[in-house]
């Protein structure tokens, strides 16, 4: 009997050790935190991650090291975090693509976004803009729609790539407005912008931050934004939803995640610190200057938001007819 009890005691102790104690966040973080960005350095996600990482390190009194692990449309970096130790020291700073779009495009996803990652905090919203080369004879969205309907298949639009939010934005407009317009995908917004500036392609769906410098110089003409509400950086530009397409919305977002199984008290501590970071005046000002809109949600609110986003993006991908990737 004593042998059985001893064996059970060891087994119970082993099981208990698997679960964090209620005070696991008390001394967290005790060493630097890795924040993985699943894209190359210099892009919108990377820029935001470094801004947030710096503010987070000030609040937590610990270094936050931003690492870029690009590849497979974000799957490599996101997969690294999904398979990392769930101790709060490896985080993911991701946009919509790897989590909401990729599962409907890649036939062999290396992780399940909803099961393998724990949502911590929604950071910002990043809408796109429908813009044209100034040589296009359309001063507003109504004139552009009329032009496109009068000339089916004559006009093309550029995006930063197949399956990007900009591509999905264009396909949703085509569907809702019954337009015949060709899509030309590029390897990033940079090359797409260059060709539209050079008048090789007349129309582009582009992120607000990327488009702003050319809007200000008059090199591109913004006609409508893809978010449900007007963008603070472009207050005079209407939304597509208010321009005759009620319900139109394609808004990318940025959020922070941890590996599933990360102790809830650590998740809560990170959420509080991230909300404080995003709410700081300097971060809010930086976000607004590049067309991003700060978000501020609890863990529960972010989780509920994600549940609603899944069917929304699944529908967008299906409408766009994006070819599967093996």
C-alpha atoms as a PDB file:
ATOM      1  CA  UNK A   1       0.000   0.000   0.000  1.00  0.00           C
ATOM      2  CA  UNK A   2       2.779   2.414   0.919  1.00  0.00           C
ATOM      3  CA  UNK A   3       4.424   1.750  -2.453  1.00  0.00           C
ATOM      4  CA  UNK A   4       1.171   2.555  -4.268  1.00  0.00           C
ATOM      5  CA  UNK A   5       0.707   5.773  -2.275  1.00  0.00           C
ATOM      6  CA  UNK A   6       4.298   6.827  -2.973  1.00  0.00           C
ATOM      7  CA  UNK A   7       3.811   6.139  -6.672  1.00  0.00           C
ATOM      8  CA  UNK A   8       0.592   8.169  -6.702  1.00  0.00           C
ATOM      9  CA  UNK A   9       2.290  11.013  -4.832  1.00  0.00           C
ATOM     10  CA  UNK A  10       5.049  11.174  -7.426  1.00  0.00           C
ATOM     11  CA  UNK A  11       2.497  11.091 -10.255  1.00  0.00           C
ATOM     12  CA  UNK A  12       0.382  13.834  -8.672  1.00  0.00           C
ATOM     13  CA  UNK A  13       3.460  15.967  -8.066  1.00  0.00           C
ATOM     14  CA  UNK A  14       4.435  15.555 -11.710  1.00  0.00           C
ATOM     15  CA  UNK A  15       0.977  16.629 -12.866  1.00  0.00           C
ATOM     16  CA  UNK A  16       0.944  19.635 -10.538  1.00  0.00           C
ATOM     17  CA  UNK A  17       4.320  20.682 -11.894  1.00  0.00           C
ATOM     18  CA  UNK A  18       2.794  20.952 -15.346  1.00  0.00           C
ATOM     19  CA  UNK A  19       0.491  23.716 -14.188  1.00  0.00           C
ATOM     20  CA  UNK A  20       1.760  27.176 -13.263  1.00  0.00           C
ATOM     21  CA  UNK A  21       1.214  28.370  -9.745  1.00  0.00           C
ATOM     22  CA  UNK A  22      -1.160  31.278  -9.141  1.00  0.00           C
ATOM     23  CA  UNK A  23       1.842  33.540  -8.542  1.00  0.00           C
ATOM     24  CA  UNK A  24       3.612  32.641 -11.807  1.00  0.00           C
ATOM     25  CA  UNK A  25       3.335  36.238 -13.060  1.00  0.00           C
ATOM     26  CA  UNK A  26       4.702  37.736  -9.840  1.00  0.00           C
ATOM     27  CA  UNK A  27       8.309  37.749 -11.017  1.00  0.00           C
ATOM     28  CA  UNK A  28       7.524  37.867 -14.729  1.00  0.00           C
ATOM     29  CA  UNK A  29       9.416  38.852 -16.775  1.00  0.00           C
ATOM     30  CA  UNK A  30      12.742  37.884 -15.215  1.00  0.00           C
ATOM     31  CA  UNK A  31      14.657  37.876 -18.513  1.00  0.00           C
ATOM     32  CA  UNK A  32      14.278  39.341 -22.033  1.00  0.00           C
ATOM     33  CA  UNK A  33      11.161  38.652 -24.093  1.00  0.00           C
ATOM     34  CA  UNK A  34      11.325  37.684 -27.776  1.00  0.00           C
ATOM     35  CA  UNK A  35       8.710  39.268 -30.010  1.00  0.00           C
ATOM     36  CA  UNK A  36       8.602  37.516 -33.377  1.00  0.00           C
ATOM     37  CA  UNK A  37       7.452  39.393 -36.472  1.00  0.00           C
ATOM     38  CA  UNK A  38       6.687  36.949 -39.317  1.00  0.00           C
ATOM     39  CA  UNK A  39       7.770  39.446 -41.964  1.00  0.00           C
ATOM     40  CA  UNK A  40      10.958  41.139 -43.126  1.00  0.00           C
ATOM     41  CA  UNK A  41      12.369  44.160 -41.320  1.00  0.00           C
ATOM     42  CA  UNK A  42      11.118  47.587 -42.329  1.00  0.00           C
ATOM     43  CA  UNK A  43       7.509  46.707 -43.112  1.00  0.00           C
ATOM     44  CA  UNK A  44       4.369  47.971 -41.320  1.00  0.00           C
ATOM     45  CA  UNK A  45       4.248  45.058 -38.859  1.00  0.00           C
ATOM     46  CA  UNK A  46       7.928  45.374 -38.040  1.00  0.00           C
ATOM     47  CA  UNK A  47       7.678  49.133 -37.506  1.00  0.00           C
ATOM     48  CA  UNK A  48       4.720  48.770 -35.155  1.00  0.00           C
ATOM     49  CA  UNK A  49       6.318  45.871 -33.299  1.00  0.00           C
ATOM     50  CA  UNK A  50       9.433  47.917 -32.575  1.00  0.00           C
ATOM     51  CA  UNK A  51       7.384  50.874 -31.346  1.00  0.00           C
ATOM     52  CA  UNK A  52       5.303  48.640 -29.089  1.00  0.00           C
ATOM     53  CA  UNK A  53       8.313  46.575 -28.024  1.00  0.00           C
ATOM     54  CA  UNK A  54      10.167  49.642 -26.814  1.00  0.00           C
ATOM     55  CA  UNK A  55       7.171  50.895 -24.837  1.00  0.00           C
ATOM     56  CA  UNK A  56       6.516  47.411 -23.452  1.00  0.00           C
ATOM     57  CA  UNK A  57      10.092  47.116 -22.207  1.00  0.00           C
ATOM     58  CA  UNK A  58       9.711  50.431 -20.368  1.00  0.00           C
ATOM     59  CA  UNK A  59       6.535  49.256 -18.646  1.00  0.00           C
ATOM     60  CA  UNK A  60       7.748  45.747 -17.783  1.00  0.00           C
ATOM     61  CA  UNK A  61      11.290  46.883 -16.896  1.00  0.00           C
ATOM     62  CA  UNK A  62      12.714  44.177 -19.143  1.00  0.00           C
ATOM     63  CA  UNK A  63      14.134  44.043 -22.665  1.00  0.00           C
ATOM     64  CA  UNK A  64      11.806  43.136 -25.520  1.00  0.00           C
ATOM     65  CA  UNK A  65      13.794  41.893 -28.503  1.00  0.00           C
ATOM     66  CA  UNK A  66      12.047  42.055 -31.879  1.00  0.00           C
ATOM     67  CA  UNK A  67      13.059  39.255 -34.255  1.00  0.00           C
ATOM     68  CA  UNK A  68      12.090  38.951 -37.920  1.00  0.00           C
ATOM     69  CA  UNK A  69      11.362  35.464 -39.239  1.00  0.00           C
ATOM     70  CA  UNK A  70       9.819  35.892 -42.678  1.00  0.00           C
ATOM     71  CA  UNK A  71       8.702  33.264 -45.160  1.00  0.00           C
ATOM     72  CA  UNK A  72       5.664  31.336 -46.406  1.00  0.00           C
ATOM     73  CA  UNK A  73       3.441  34.430 -46.151  1.00  0.00           C
ATOM     74  CA  UNK A  74       4.110  34.670 -42.419  1.00  0.00           C
ATOM     75  CA  UNK A  75       3.652  30.988 -41.589  1.00  0.00           C
ATOM     76  CA  UNK A  76       7.283  30.429 -40.613  1.00  0.00           C
ATOM     77  CA  UNK A  77       7.415  33.076 -37.893  1.00  0.00           C
ATOM     78  CA  UNK A  78       3.901  32.407 -36.642  1.00  0.00           C
ATOM     79  CA  UNK A  79       4.602  28.673 -36.556  1.00  0.00           C
ATOM     80  CA  UNK A  80       7.752  29.253 -34.504  1.00  0.00           C
ATOM     81  CA  UNK A  81       5.727  30.972 -31.803  1.00  0.00           C
ATOM     82  CA  UNK A  82       2.905  28.429 -31.957  1.00  0.00           C
ATOM     83  CA  UNK A  83       5.448  25.706 -31.173  1.00  0.00           C
ATOM     84  CA  UNK A  84       7.454  27.677 -28.605  1.00  0.00           C
ATOM     85  CA  UNK A  85       7.484  27.054 -24.857  1.00  0.00           C
ATOM     86  CA  UNK A  86       4.331  28.635 -23.358  1.00  0.00           C
ATOM     87  CA  UNK A  87       6.096  30.668 -20.699  1.00  0.00           C
ATOM     88  CA  UNK A  88       5.456  34.233 -21.881  1.00  0.00           C
ATOM     89  CA  UNK A  89       8.963  34.774 -23.220  1.00  0.00           C
ATOM     90  CA  UNK A  90       8.159  34.174 -26.896  1.00  0.00           C
ATOM     91  CA  UNK A  91       5.423  36.338 -28.407  1.00  0.00           C
ATOM     92  CA  UNK A  92       4.038  36.851 -31.896  1.00  0.00           C
ATOM     93  CA  UNK A  93       3.321  40.266 -33.377  1.00  0.00           C
ATOM     94  CA  UNK A  94       1.196  39.432 -36.391  1.00  0.00           C
ATOM     95  CA  UNK A  95      -1.116  40.977 -38.923  1.00  0.00           C
ATOM     96  CA  UNK A  96      -4.244  39.398 -40.343  1.00  0.00           C
ATOM     97  CA  UNK A  97      -2.588  37.337 -43.094  1.00  0.00           C
ATOM     98  CA  UNK A  98      -0.960  34.396 -41.280  1.00  0.00           C
ATOM     99  CA  UNK A  99      -3.887  33.926 -38.905  1.00  0.00           C
ATOM    100  CA  UNK A 100      -7.039  34.723 -40.866  1.00  0.00           C
ATOM    101  CA  UNK A 101      -6.131  34.354 -44.557  1.00  0.00           C
ATOM    102  CA  UNK A 102      -3.461  31.652 -44.748  1.00  0.00           C
ATOM    103  CA  UNK A 103      -5.606  28.862 -43.245  1.00  0.00           C
ATOM    104  CA  UNK A 104      -7.893  29.203 -46.272  1.00  0.00           C
ATOM    105  CA  UNK A 105      -5.047  29.278 -48.810  1.00  0.00           C
ATOM    106  CA  UNK A 106      -2.360  26.886 -47.580  1.00  0.00           C
ATOM    107  CA  UNK A 107      -3.325  23.227 -47.795  1.00  0.00           C
ATOM    108  CA  UNK A 108      -0.705  22.274 -45.204  1.00  0.00           C
ATOM    109  CA  UNK A 109      -0.792  24.862 -42.426  1.00  0.00           C
ATOM    110  CA  UNK A 110       1.992  24.223 -39.866  1.00  0.00           C
ATOM    111  CA  UNK A 111      -0.248  25.363 -37.002  1.00  0.00           C
ATOM    112  CA  UNK A 112      -3.856  26.109 -36.090  1.00  0.00           C
ATOM    113  CA  UNK A 113      -4.175  29.841 -35.298  1.00  0.00           C
ATOM    114  CA  UNK A 114      -7.119  29.408 -32.934  1.00  0.00           C
ATOM    115  CA  UNK A 115      -5.855  26.303 -31.132  1.00  0.00           C
ATOM    116  CA  UNK A 116      -2.081  26.830 -31.049  1.00  0.00           C
ATOM    117  CA  UNK A 117      -1.953  30.538 -30.229  1.00  0.00           C
ATOM    118  CA  UNK A 118      -3.366  32.458 -27.270  1.00  0.00           C
ATOM    119  CA  UNK A 119      -4.614  35.997 -28.032  1.00  0.00           C
ATOM    120  CA  UNK A 120      -3.179  38.682 -25.773  1.00  0.00           C
ATOM    121  CA  UNK A 121      -4.014  42.088 -27.195  1.00  0.00           C
ATOM    122  CA  UNK A 122      -5.316  43.735 -30.351  1.00  0.00           C
ATOM    123  CA  UNK A 123      -2.922  46.551 -31.244  1.00  0.00           C
ATOM    124  CA  UNK A 124      -4.280  48.423 -34.247  1.00  0.00           C
ATOM    125  CA  UNK A 125      -6.450  48.446 -37.339  1.00  0.00           C
ATOM    126  CA  UNK A 126      -4.868  49.097 -40.740  1.00  0.00           C
ATOM    127  CA  UNK A 127      -7.299  49.791 -43.585  1.00  0.00           C
ATOM    128  CA  UNK A 128      -6.443  50.111 -47.251  1.00  0.00           C
ATOM    129  CA  UNK A 129      -7.250  52.789 -49.807  1.00  0.00           C
ATOM    130  CA  UNK A 130      -8.582  52.574 -53.332  1.00  0.00           C
ATOM    131  CA  UNK A 131      -6.440  55.041 -55.285  1.00  0.00           C
ATOM    132  CA  UNK A 132      -5.774  55.887 -58.917  1.00  0.00           C
ATOM    133  CA  UNK A 133      -3.063  57.414 -61.045  1.00  0.00           C
ATOM    134  CA  UNK A 134      -3.926  61.119 -61.573  1.00  0.00           C
ATOM    135  CA  UNK A 135      -4.330  60.444 -65.306  1.00  0.00           C
ATOM    136  CA  UNK A 136      -7.432  58.359 -64.620  1.00  0.00           C
ATOM    137  CA  UNK A 137     -10.489  60.480 -65.404  1.00  0.00           C
ATOM    138  CA  UNK A 138     -12.235  59.867 -62.092  1.00  0.00           C
ATOM    139  CA  UNK A 139     -12.252  62.475 -59.341  1.00  0.00           C
ATOM    140  CA  UNK A 140     -14.303  60.381 -56.937  1.00  0.00           C
ATOM    141  CA  UNK A 141     -15.479  56.818 -56.367  1.00  0.00           C
ATOM    142  CA  UNK A 142     -18.785  57.322 -58.225  1.00  0.00           C
ATOM    143  CA  UNK A 143     -16.956  58.461 -61.344  1.00  0.00           C
ATOM    144  CA  UNK A 144     -14.546  55.534 -61.119  1.00  0.00           C
ATOM    145  CA  UNK A 145     -17.370  52.995 -60.840  1.00  0.00           C
ATOM    146  CA  UNK A 146     -19.091  54.559 -63.858  1.00  0.00           C
ATOM    147  CA  UNK A 147     -15.829  54.462 -65.814  1.00  0.00           C
ATOM    148  CA  UNK A 148     -15.229  50.807 -64.975  1.00  0.00           C
ATOM    149  CA  UNK A 149     -18.775  49.770 -65.867  1.00  0.00           C
ATOM    150  CA  UNK A 150     -18.574  51.597 -69.186  1.00  0.00           C
ATOM    151  CA  UNK A 151     -15.297  49.831 -69.990  1.00  0.00           C
ATOM    152  CA  UNK A 152     -15.495  46.209 -68.773  1.00  0.00           C
ATOM    153  CA  UNK A 153     -12.156  44.367 -68.634  1.00  0.00           C
ATOM    154  CA  UNK A 154     -10.275  47.448 -69.873  1.00  0.00           C
ATOM    155  CA  UNK A 155      -8.927  48.494 -66.474  1.00  0.00           C
ATOM    156  CA  UNK A 156      -6.684  46.638 -64.035  1.00  0.00           C
ATOM    157  CA  UNK A 157      -5.836  47.152 -60.400  1.00  0.00           C
ATOM    158  CA  UNK A 158      -2.584  46.412 -58.597  1.00  0.00           C
ATOM    159  CA  UNK A 159      -2.077  44.902 -55.155  1.00  0.00           C
ATOM    160  CA  UNK A 160       0.854  43.799 -53.035  1.00  0.00           C
ATOM    161  CA  UNK A 161       0.207  40.158 -53.853  1.00  0.00           C
ATOM    162  CA  UNK A 162      -2.194  37.269 -54.214  1.00  0.00           C
ATOM    163  CA  UNK A 163      -4.255  36.792 -51.070  1.00  0.00           C
ATOM    164  CA  UNK A 164      -3.247  40.095 -49.457  1.00  0.00           C
ATOM    165  CA  UNK A 165      -5.870  42.277 -47.824  1.00  0.00           C
ATOM    166  CA  UNK A 166      -5.509  44.677 -50.759  1.00  0.00           C
ATOM    167  CA  UNK A 167      -6.279  41.870 -53.218  1.00  0.00           C
ATOM    168  CA  UNK A 168      -9.297  40.801 -51.175  1.00  0.00           C
ATOM    169  CA  UNK A 169     -10.426  44.440 -51.033  1.00  0.00           C
ATOM    170  CA  UNK A 170     -10.414  44.673 -54.814  1.00  0.00           C
ATOM    171  CA  UNK A 171     -12.282  41.417 -55.309  1.00  0.00           C
ATOM    172  CA  UNK A 172     -14.952  42.373 -52.786  1.00  0.00           C
ATOM    173  CA  UNK A 173     -15.582  45.638 -54.627  1.00  0.00           C
ATOM    174  CA  UNK A 174     -15.776  43.784 -57.944  1.00  0.00           C
ATOM    175  CA  UNK A 175     -18.352  41.445 -56.443  1.00  0.00           C
ATOM    176  CA  UNK A 176     -20.480  44.124 -54.773  1.00  0.00           C
ATOM    177  CA  UNK A 177     -20.372  46.537 -57.725  1.00  0.00           C
ATOM    178  CA  UNK A 178     -20.567  43.842 -60.441  1.00  0.00           C
ATOM    179  CA  UNK A 179     -17.358  45.083 -62.047  1.00  0.00           C
ATOM    180  CA  UNK A 180     -15.086  43.439 -64.599  1.00  0.00           C
ATOM    181  CA  UNK A 181     -11.579  44.504 -63.643  1.00  0.00           C
ATOM    182  CA  UNK A 182      -8.315  42.569 -63.844  1.00  0.00           C
ATOM    183  CA  UNK A 183      -6.095  41.961 -60.830  1.00  0.00           C
ATOM    184  CA  UNK A 184      -2.319  42.310 -61.157  1.00  0.00           C
ATOM    185  CA  UNK A 185      -0.496  40.953 -58.086  1.00  0.00           C
ATOM    186  CA  UNK A 186       2.997  42.181 -57.220  1.00  0.00           C
ATOM    187  CA  UNK A 187       5.589  40.982 -54.753  1.00  0.00           C
ATOM    188  CA  UNK A 188       4.883  43.702 -52.232  1.00  0.00           C
ATOM    189  CA  UNK A 189       3.303  47.139 -52.197  1.00  0.00           C
ATOM    190  CA  UNK A 190       6.540  48.825 -53.271  1.00  0.00           C
ATOM    191  CA  UNK A 191       6.684  47.339 -56.783  1.00  0.00           C
ATOM    192  CA  UNK A 192       2.922  47.744 -57.165  1.00  0.00           C
ATOM    193  CA  UNK A 193       3.132  51.432 -56.268  1.00  0.00           C
ATOM    194  CA  UNK A 194       6.004  52.028 -58.695  1.00  0.00           C
ATOM    195  CA  UNK A 195       4.000  50.662 -61.618  1.00  0.00           C
ATOM    196  CA  UNK A 196       0.926  52.708 -60.746  1.00  0.00           C
ATOM    197  CA  UNK A 197       3.034  55.855 -60.363  1.00  0.00           C
ATOM    198  CA  UNK A 198       4.512  55.082 -63.784  1.00  0.00           C
ATOM    199  CA  UNK A 199       0.991  54.767 -65.227  1.00  0.00           C
ATOM    200  CA  UNK A 200       1.539  51.131 -66.200  1.00  0.00           C
ATOM    201  CA  UNK A 201      -1.463  50.155 -64.053  1.00  0.00           C
ATOM    202  CA  UNK A 202      -4.195  52.752 -63.408  1.00  0.00           C
ATOM    203  CA  UNK A 203      -5.686  51.597 -60.100  1.00  0.00           C
ATOM    204  CA  UNK A 204      -4.309  50.304 -56.816  1.00  0.00           C
ATOM    205  CA  UNK A 205      -5.527  49.082 -53.464  1.00  0.00           C
ATOM    206  CA  UNK A 206      -2.824  50.142 -51.031  1.00  0.00           C
ATOM    207  CA  UNK A 207      -2.397  50.409 -47.260  1.00  0.00           C
ATOM    208  CA  UNK A 208      -2.964  53.899 -45.898  1.00  0.00           C
ATOM    209  CA  UNK A 209       0.559  54.143 -44.492  1.00  0.00           C
ATOM    210  CA  UNK A 210       2.216  53.192 -47.768  1.00  0.00           C
ATOM    211  CA  UNK A 211       0.012  55.481 -49.809  1.00  0.00           C
ATOM    212  CA  UNK A 212       0.117  58.645 -47.671  1.00  0.00           C
ATOM    213  CA  UNK A 213       3.416  60.116 -48.987  1.00  0.00           C
ATOM    214  CA  UNK A 214       2.205  59.842 -52.590  1.00  0.00           C
ATOM    215  CA  UNK A 215      -1.248  61.161 -51.709  1.00  0.00           C
ATOM    216  CA  UNK A 216       0.324  64.241 -50.136  1.00  0.00           C
ATOM    217  CA  UNK A 217       2.492  64.867 -53.203  1.00  0.00           C
ATOM    218  CA  UNK A 218      -0.406  64.424 -55.581  1.00  0.00           C
ATOM    219  CA  UNK A 219       1.189  61.417 -57.253  1.00  0.00           C
ATOM    220  CA  UNK A 220      -1.761  59.181 -56.387  1.00  0.00           C
ATOM    221  CA  UNK A 221      -5.401  60.170 -55.935  1.00  0.00           C
ATOM    222  CA  UNK A 222      -7.173  58.432 -53.022  1.00  0.00           C
ATOM    223  CA  UNK A 223     -10.858  57.809 -53.679  1.00  0.00           C
ATOM    224  CA  UNK A 224     -12.154  55.622 -50.848  1.00  0.00           C
ATOM    225  CA  UNK A 225     -10.988  53.681 -47.792  1.00  0.00           C
ATOM    226  CA  UNK A 226     -11.855  50.043 -47.121  1.00  0.00           C
ATOM    227  CA  UNK A 227     -12.647  50.369 -43.402  1.00  0.00           C
ATOM    228  CA  UNK A 228     -16.131  50.803 -41.983  1.00  0.00           C
ATOM    229  CA  UNK A 229     -15.254  54.268 -40.669  1.00  0.00           C
ATOM    230  CA  UNK A 230     -13.197  57.089 -42.158  1.00  0.00           C
ATOM    231  CA  UNK A 231      -9.495  57.089 -41.440  1.00  0.00           C
ATOM    232  CA  UNK A 232      -8.087  59.879 -39.220  1.00  0.00           C
ATOM    233  CA  UNK A 233      -5.157  60.356 -41.611  1.00  0.00           C
ATOM    234  CA  UNK A 234      -7.565  60.855 -44.541  1.00  0.00           C
ATOM    235  CA  UNK A 235     -10.633  62.476 -42.962  1.00  0.00           C
ATOM    236  CA  UNK A 236     -11.978  63.819 -46.264  1.00  0.00           C
ATOM    237  CA  UNK A 237     -11.846  60.481 -48.064  1.00  0.00           C
ATOM    238  CA  UNK A 238     -15.116  58.516 -47.817  1.00  0.00           C
ATOM    239  CA  UNK A 239     -15.436  54.837 -47.032  1.00  0.00           C
ATOM    240  CA  UNK A 240     -16.688  52.433 -49.673  1.00  0.00           C
ATOM    241  CA  UNK A 241     -19.475  51.544 -47.239  1.00  0.00           C
ATOM    242  CA  UNK A 242     -20.794  55.118 -47.346  1.00  0.00           C
ATOM    243  CA  UNK A 243     -20.234  55.373 -51.107  1.00  0.00           C
ATOM    244  CA  UNK A 244     -23.002  53.055 -52.182  1.00  0.00           C
ATOM    245  CA  UNK A 245     -21.689  49.742 -50.862  1.00  0.00           C
ATOM    246  CA  UNK A 246     -23.181  49.254 -47.387  1.00  0.00           C
ATOM    247  CA  UNK A 247     -21.488  46.503 -45.421  1.00  0.00           C
ATOM    248  CA  UNK A 248     -18.236  46.782 -47.347  1.00  0.00           C
ATOM    249  CA  UNK A 249     -15.309  46.327 -44.967  1.00  0.00           C
ATOM    250  CA  UNK A 250     -11.829  44.900 -45.365  1.00  0.00           C
ATOM    251  CA  UNK A 251      -9.654  46.044 -42.484  1.00  0.00           C
ATOM    252  CA  UNK A 252      -6.374  44.413 -41.601  1.00  0.00           C
ATOM    253  CA  UNK A 253      -5.236  44.446 -37.990  1.00  0.00           C
ATOM    254  CA  UNK A 254      -2.180  43.805 -35.851  1.00  0.00           C
ATOM    255  CA  UNK A 255      -2.221  41.780 -32.653  1.00  0.00           C
ATOM    256  CA  UNK A 256       0.034  40.105 -30.106  1.00  0.00           C
ATOM    257  CA  UNK A 257      -0.204  36.396 -29.331  1.00  0.00           C
ATOM    258  CA  UNK A 258       1.524  33.814 -27.142  1.00  0.00           C
ATOM    259  CA  UNK A 259       1.790  30.039 -27.515  1.00  0.00           C
ATOM    260  CA  UNK A 260      -1.350  28.234 -26.343  1.00  0.00           C
ATOM    261  CA  UNK A 261      -0.988  27.119 -22.747  1.00  0.00           C
ATOM    262  CA  UNK A 262       0.746  30.279 -21.568  1.00  0.00           C
ATOM    263  CA  UNK A 263      -0.392  30.941 -17.953  1.00  0.00           C
ATOM    264  CA  UNK A 264      -3.419  33.205 -17.837  1.00  0.00           C
ATOM    265  CA  UNK A 265      -1.918  35.514 -15.224  1.00  0.00           C
ATOM    266  CA  UNK A 266       1.011  36.186 -17.567  1.00  0.00           C
ATOM    267  CA  UNK A 267      -1.422  36.766 -20.453  1.00  0.00           C
ATOM    268  CA  UNK A 268      -3.313  39.272 -18.289  1.00  0.00           C
ATOM    269  CA  UNK A 269      -0.127  41.056 -17.264  1.00  0.00           C
ATOM    270  CA  UNK A 270       0.955  41.375 -20.889  1.00  0.00           C
ATOM    271  CA  UNK A 271      -2.499  42.561 -21.939  1.00  0.00           C
ATOM    272  CA  UNK A 272      -2.449  45.333 -19.337  1.00  0.00           C
ATOM    273  CA  UNK A 273       1.041  46.410 -20.402  1.00  0.00           C
ATOM    274  CA  UNK A 274       0.176  46.338 -24.110  1.00  0.00           C
ATOM    275  CA  UNK A 275      -3.031  48.318 -23.609  1.00  0.00           C
ATOM    276  CA  UNK A 276      -1.057  50.881 -21.668  1.00  0.00           C
ATOM    277  CA  UNK A 277       1.502  51.002 -24.485  1.00  0.00           C
ATOM    278  CA  UNK A 278      -1.087  51.481 -27.214  1.00  0.00           C
ATOM    279  CA  UNK A 279      -2.917  54.062 -25.129  1.00  0.00           C
ATOM    280  CA  UNK A 280       0.128  56.270 -24.639  1.00  0.00           C
ATOM    281  CA  UNK A 281      -0.149  59.601 -26.527  1.00  0.00           C
ATOM    282  CA  UNK A 282       3.127  59.172 -28.424  1.00  0.00           C
ATOM    283  CA  UNK A 283       2.187  55.728 -29.767  1.00  0.00           C
ATOM    284  CA  UNK A 284      -1.318  56.878 -30.695  1.00  0.00           C
ATOM    285  CA  UNK A 285       0.162  59.854 -32.549  1.00  0.00           C
ATOM    286  CA  UNK A 286       2.638  57.659 -34.437  1.00  0.00           C
ATOM    287  CA  UNK A 287      -0.104  55.244 -35.423  1.00  0.00           C
ATOM    288  CA  UNK A 288      -2.380  58.015 -36.674  1.00  0.00           C
ATOM    289  CA  UNK A 289       0.432  59.561 -38.715  1.00  0.00           C
ATOM    290  CA  UNK A 290       0.691  56.388 -40.798  1.00  0.00           C
ATOM    291  CA  UNK A 291      -3.018  55.717 -41.055  1.00  0.00           C
ATOM    292  CA  UNK A 292      -3.360  53.086 -38.346  1.00  0.00           C
ATOM    293  CA  UNK A 293      -6.088  53.215 -35.710  1.00  0.00           C
ATOM    294  CA  UNK A 294      -5.181  52.203 -32.163  1.00  0.00           C
ATOM    295  CA  UNK A 295      -7.154  49.367 -30.575  1.00  0.00           C
ATOM    296  CA  UNK A 296      -7.748  48.722 -26.892  1.00  0.00           C
ATOM    297  CA  UNK A 297      -9.326  45.402 -25.970  1.00  0.00           C
ATOM    298  CA  UNK A 298      -9.274  43.004 -23.051  1.00  0.00           C
ATOM    299  CA  UNK A 299      -8.229  39.395 -23.627  1.00  0.00           C
ATOM    300  CA  UNK A 300     -11.894  38.360 -23.674  1.00  0.00           C
ATOM    301  CA  UNK A 301     -12.815  41.090 -26.154  1.00  0.00           C
ATOM    302  CA  UNK A 302      -9.919  40.176 -28.430  1.00  0.00           C
ATOM    303  CA  UNK A 303     -10.892  36.494 -28.319  1.00  0.00           C
ATOM    304  CA  UNK A 304     -14.495  37.319 -29.219  1.00  0.00           C
ATOM    305  CA  UNK A 305     -13.272  39.596 -32.010  1.00  0.00           C
ATOM    306  CA  UNK A 306     -11.201  36.768 -33.506  1.00  0.00           C
ATOM    307  CA  UNK A 307     -14.158  34.387 -33.489  1.00  0.00           C
ATOM    308  CA  UNK A 308     -16.113  36.877 -35.605  1.00  0.00           C
ATOM    309  CA  UNK A 309     -13.174  37.538 -37.916  1.00  0.00           C
ATOM    310  CA  UNK A 310     -12.718  33.900 -38.944  1.00  0.00           C
ATOM    311  CA  UNK A 311     -15.911  33.573 -41.057  1.00  0.00           C
ATOM    312  CA  UNK A 312     -15.474  37.122 -42.393  1.00  0.00           C
ATOM    313  CA  UNK A 313     -12.028  36.401 -43.857  1.00  0.00           C
ATOM    314  CA  UNK A 314     -13.032  32.921 -45.000  1.00  0.00           C
ATOM    315  CA  UNK A 315     -15.804  34.506 -47.069  1.00  0.00           C
ATOM    316  CA  UNK A 316     -13.446  37.127 -48.516  1.00  0.00           C
ATOM    317  CA  UNK A 317     -10.902  34.505 -49.581  1.00  0.00           C
ATOM    318  CA  UNK A 318     -13.614  32.385 -51.192  1.00  0.00           C
ATOM    319  CA  UNK A 319     -15.008  35.384 -53.086  1.00  0.00           C
ATOM    320  CA  UNK A 320     -11.536  36.280 -54.345  1.00  0.00           C
ATOM    321  CA  UNK A 321     -10.970  32.780 -55.687  1.00  0.00           C
ATOM    322  CA  UNK A 322      -7.403  32.678 -54.395  1.00  0.00           C
ATOM    323  CA  UNK A 323      -5.583  29.604 -55.706  1.00  0.00           C
ATOM    324  CA  UNK A 324      -4.583  27.107 -52.968  1.00  0.00           C
ATOM    325  CA  UNK A 325      -0.906  26.797 -52.076  1.00  0.00           C
ATOM    326  CA  UNK A 326       0.463  23.315 -51.446  1.00  0.00           C
END
